[in-house]
Amino acid sequence: MCLGIPARITGIADAAAMLAEVDVHGVRREVDVLCVAPPDAPLEDLIGSWVLVHVGFAMSRISEPEARATLALLAEMGELHEELTAMQDTGKAGGSHAVQ
């Protein structure tokens, strides 16, 4: 199953390409932030924000309580481990959004 996973933006990888680095339980990767980027502000304003990530894209911004509740629910359902493994495998395969 492919889910949107809450992740926290930890840095900007490439502002020109609209790529930010996110962290989900220690798994780090680059994601496209075009959908959540503030229109008239630097991308650095996103650092610390929580986003919902799906297939390498930050699809929407979410609150920290919502992110933590969703992560807890996914862990309870057993889906979190599966999604984190998929994210790590994508990084090992040299995907275009993987953080090395």
C-alpha atoms as a PDB file:
ATOM      1  CA  MET A   1       0.000   0.000   0.000  1.00  0.00           C
ATOM      2  CA  CYS A   2       1.266   3.448  -0.797  1.00  0.00           C
ATOM      3  CA  LEU A   3       0.456   6.093   1.800  1.00  0.00           C
ATOM      4  CA  GLY A   4       1.175   9.715   2.432  1.00  0.00           C
ATOM      5  CA  ILE A   5       3.633   9.817   5.333  1.00  0.00           C
ATOM      6  CA  PRO A   6       4.105  12.768   7.699  1.00  0.00           C
ATOM      7  CA  ALA A   7       7.637  14.134   7.541  1.00  0.00           C
ATOM      8  CA  ARG A   8       9.434  17.134   9.015  1.00  0.00           C
ATOM      9  CA  ILE A   9      11.385  19.415   6.689  1.00  0.00           C
ATOM     10  CA  THR A  10      14.950  19.632   7.995  1.00  0.00           C
ATOM     11  CA  GLY A  11      16.655  21.635   5.272  1.00  0.00           C
ATOM     12  CA  ILE A  12      16.640  22.905   1.724  1.00  0.00           C
ATOM     13  CA  ALA A  13      18.584  20.646  -0.633  1.00  0.00           C
ATOM     14  CA  ASP A  14      18.224  22.672  -3.841  1.00  0.00           C
ATOM     15  CA  ALA A  15      16.099  25.831  -3.831  1.00  0.00           C
ATOM     16  CA  ALA A  16      16.205  26.222  -7.619  1.00  0.00           C
ATOM     17  CA  ALA A  17      14.850  22.684  -8.074  1.00  0.00           C
ATOM     18  CA  MET A  18      12.355  23.143  -5.192  1.00  0.00           C
ATOM     19  CA  LEU A  19      13.857  20.220  -3.243  1.00  0.00           C
ATOM     20  CA  ALA A  20      13.916  19.973   0.537  1.00  0.00           C
ATOM     21  CA  GLU A  21      15.294  17.326   2.871  1.00  0.00           C
ATOM     22  CA  VAL A  22      12.774  15.639   5.153  1.00  0.00           C
ATOM     23  CA  ASP A  23      13.093  13.257   8.079  1.00  0.00           C
ATOM     24  CA  VAL A  24      10.715  10.465   9.055  1.00  0.00           C
ATOM     25  CA  HIS A  25      11.906   8.480  12.077  1.00  0.00           C
ATOM     26  CA  GLY A  26      15.541   8.868  11.024  1.00  0.00           C
ATOM     27  CA  VAL A  27      14.956   8.135   7.342  1.00  0.00           C
ATOM     28  CA  ARG A  28      16.060  11.153   5.333  1.00  0.00           C
ATOM     29  CA  ARG A  29      15.361  11.895   1.720  1.00  0.00           C
ATOM     30  CA  GLU A  30      14.775  14.739  -0.662  1.00  0.00           C
ATOM     31  CA  VAL A  31      11.252  15.651  -1.700  1.00  0.00           C
ATOM     32  CA  ASP A  32       9.778  18.140  -4.118  1.00  0.00           C
ATOM     33  CA  VAL A  33       8.124  20.999  -2.191  1.00  0.00           C
ATOM     34  CA  LEU A  34       6.503  22.878  -5.076  1.00  0.00           C
ATOM     35  CA  CYS A  35       2.987  22.106  -3.772  1.00  0.00           C
ATOM     36  CA  VAL A  36       3.694  23.506  -0.287  1.00  0.00           C
ATOM     37  CA  ALA A  37       6.151  26.318  -0.997  1.00  0.00           C
ATOM     38  CA  PRO A  38       5.067  29.769   0.181  1.00  0.00           C
ATOM     39  CA  PRO A  39       4.516  31.925  -2.928  1.00  0.00           C
ATOM     40  CA  ASP A  40       6.328  35.064  -1.759  1.00  0.00           C
ATOM     41  CA  ALA A  41       8.754  33.718   0.840  1.00  0.00           C
ATOM     42  CA  PRO A  42      12.065  31.845   0.779  1.00  0.00           C
ATOM     43  CA  LEU A  43      11.960  28.056   0.920  1.00  0.00           C
ATOM     44  CA  GLU A  44      13.922  28.262   4.163  1.00  0.00           C
ATOM     45  CA  ASP A  45      10.631  29.318   5.794  1.00  0.00           C
ATOM     46  CA  LEU A  46       9.520  25.681   5.384  1.00  0.00           C
ATOM     47  CA  ILE A  47      12.272  24.320   7.666  1.00  0.00           C
ATOM     48  CA  GLY A  48      10.658  22.782  10.721  1.00  0.00           C
ATOM     49  CA  SER A  49       7.281  22.398   9.011  1.00  0.00           C
ATOM     50  CA  TRP A  50       5.470  19.082   8.850  1.00  0.00           C
ATOM     51  CA  VAL A  51       4.275  17.890   5.457  1.00  0.00           C
ATOM     52  CA  LEU A  52       2.461  14.892   4.059  1.00  0.00           C
ATOM     53  CA  VAL A  53       4.823  13.113   1.623  1.00  0.00           C
ATOM     54  CA  HIS A  54       3.644  10.845  -1.183  1.00  0.00           C
ATOM     55  CA  VAL A  55       5.900   9.404  -3.914  1.00  0.00           C
ATOM     56  CA  GLY A  56       8.618  12.018  -3.452  1.00  0.00           C
ATOM     57  CA  PHE A  57       6.354  15.063  -3.221  1.00  0.00           C
ATOM     58  CA  ALA A  58       5.274  17.099  -0.218  1.00  0.00           C
ATOM     59  CA  MET A  59       1.554  17.237  -0.979  1.00  0.00           C
ATOM     60  CA  SER A  60       0.308  19.406   1.898  1.00  0.00           C
ATOM     61  CA  ARG A  61       1.380  21.043   5.126  1.00  0.00           C
ATOM     62  CA  ILE A  62       0.011  19.554   8.345  1.00  0.00           C
ATOM     63  CA  SER A  63       0.259  20.463  12.013  1.00  0.00           C
ATOM     64  CA  GLU A  64       2.743  18.747  14.307  1.00  0.00           C
ATOM     65  CA  PRO A  65      -0.027  17.184  16.455  1.00  0.00           C
ATOM     66  CA  GLU A  66      -1.687  15.809  13.303  1.00  0.00           C
ATOM     67  CA  ALA A  67       1.669  14.454  12.071  1.00  0.00           C
ATOM     68  CA  ARG A  68       2.444  12.736  15.370  1.00  0.00           C
ATOM     69  CA  ALA A  69      -1.066  11.267  15.633  1.00  0.00           C
ATOM     70  CA  THR A  70      -0.847   9.945  12.063  1.00  0.00           C
ATOM     71  CA  LEU A  71       2.605   8.421  12.659  1.00  0.00           C
ATOM     72  CA  ALA A  72       1.331   6.735  15.831  1.00  0.00           C
ATOM     73  CA  LEU A  73      -1.701   5.351  13.987  1.00  0.00           C
ATOM     74  CA  LEU A  74       0.442   4.067  11.119  1.00  0.00           C
ATOM     75  CA  ALA A  75       2.801   2.403  13.597  1.00  0.00           C
ATOM     76  CA  GLU A  76      -0.154   0.795  15.359  1.00  0.00           C
ATOM     77  CA  MET A  77      -1.470  -0.520  12.045  1.00  0.00           C
ATOM     78  CA  GLY A  78       1.959  -1.855  11.095  1.00  0.00           C
ATOM     79  CA  GLU A  79       2.093   0.347   7.995  1.00  0.00           C
ATOM     80  CA  LEU A  80       4.839   2.709   9.185  1.00  0.00           C
ATOM     81  CA  HIS A  81       7.605   0.103   9.037  1.00  0.00           C
ATOM     82  CA  GLU A  82       6.530  -0.931   5.531  1.00  0.00           C
ATOM     83  CA  GLU A  83       6.544   2.672   4.282  1.00  0.00           C
ATOM     84  CA  LEU A  84       9.897   3.498   5.927  1.00  0.00           C
ATOM     85  CA  THR A  85      11.427   0.398   4.333  1.00  0.00           C
ATOM     86  CA  ALA A  86      10.072   1.480   0.939  1.00  0.00           C
ATOM     87  CA  MET A  87      11.587   4.952   1.428  1.00  0.00           C
ATOM     88  CA  GLN A  88      14.965   3.432   2.324  1.00  0.00           C
ATOM     89  CA  ASP A  89      14.842   1.028  -0.621  1.00  0.00           C
ATOM     90  CA  THR A  90      14.120   3.937  -2.975  1.00  0.00           C
ATOM     91  CA  GLY A  91      17.214   5.688  -1.634  1.00  0.00           C
ATOM     92  CA  LYS A  92      19.380   2.595  -2.153  1.00  0.00           C
ATOM     93  CA  ALA A  93      18.137   2.215  -5.694  1.00  0.00           C
ATOM     94  CA  GLY A  94      19.459   5.679  -6.501  1.00  0.00           C
ATOM     95  CA  GLY A  95      16.065   7.300  -6.964  1.00  0.00           C
ATOM     96  CA  SER A  96      16.109  10.877  -8.161  1.00  0.00           C
ATOM     97  CA  HIS A  97      14.923  12.177  -4.774  1.00  0.00           C
ATOM     98  CA  ALA A  98      17.147  10.058  -2.528  1.00  0.00           C
ATOM     99  CA  VAL A  99      19.473  11.672  -0.011  1.00  0.00           C
ATOM    100  CA  GLN A 100      22.887  10.105  -0.128  1.00  0.00           C
END
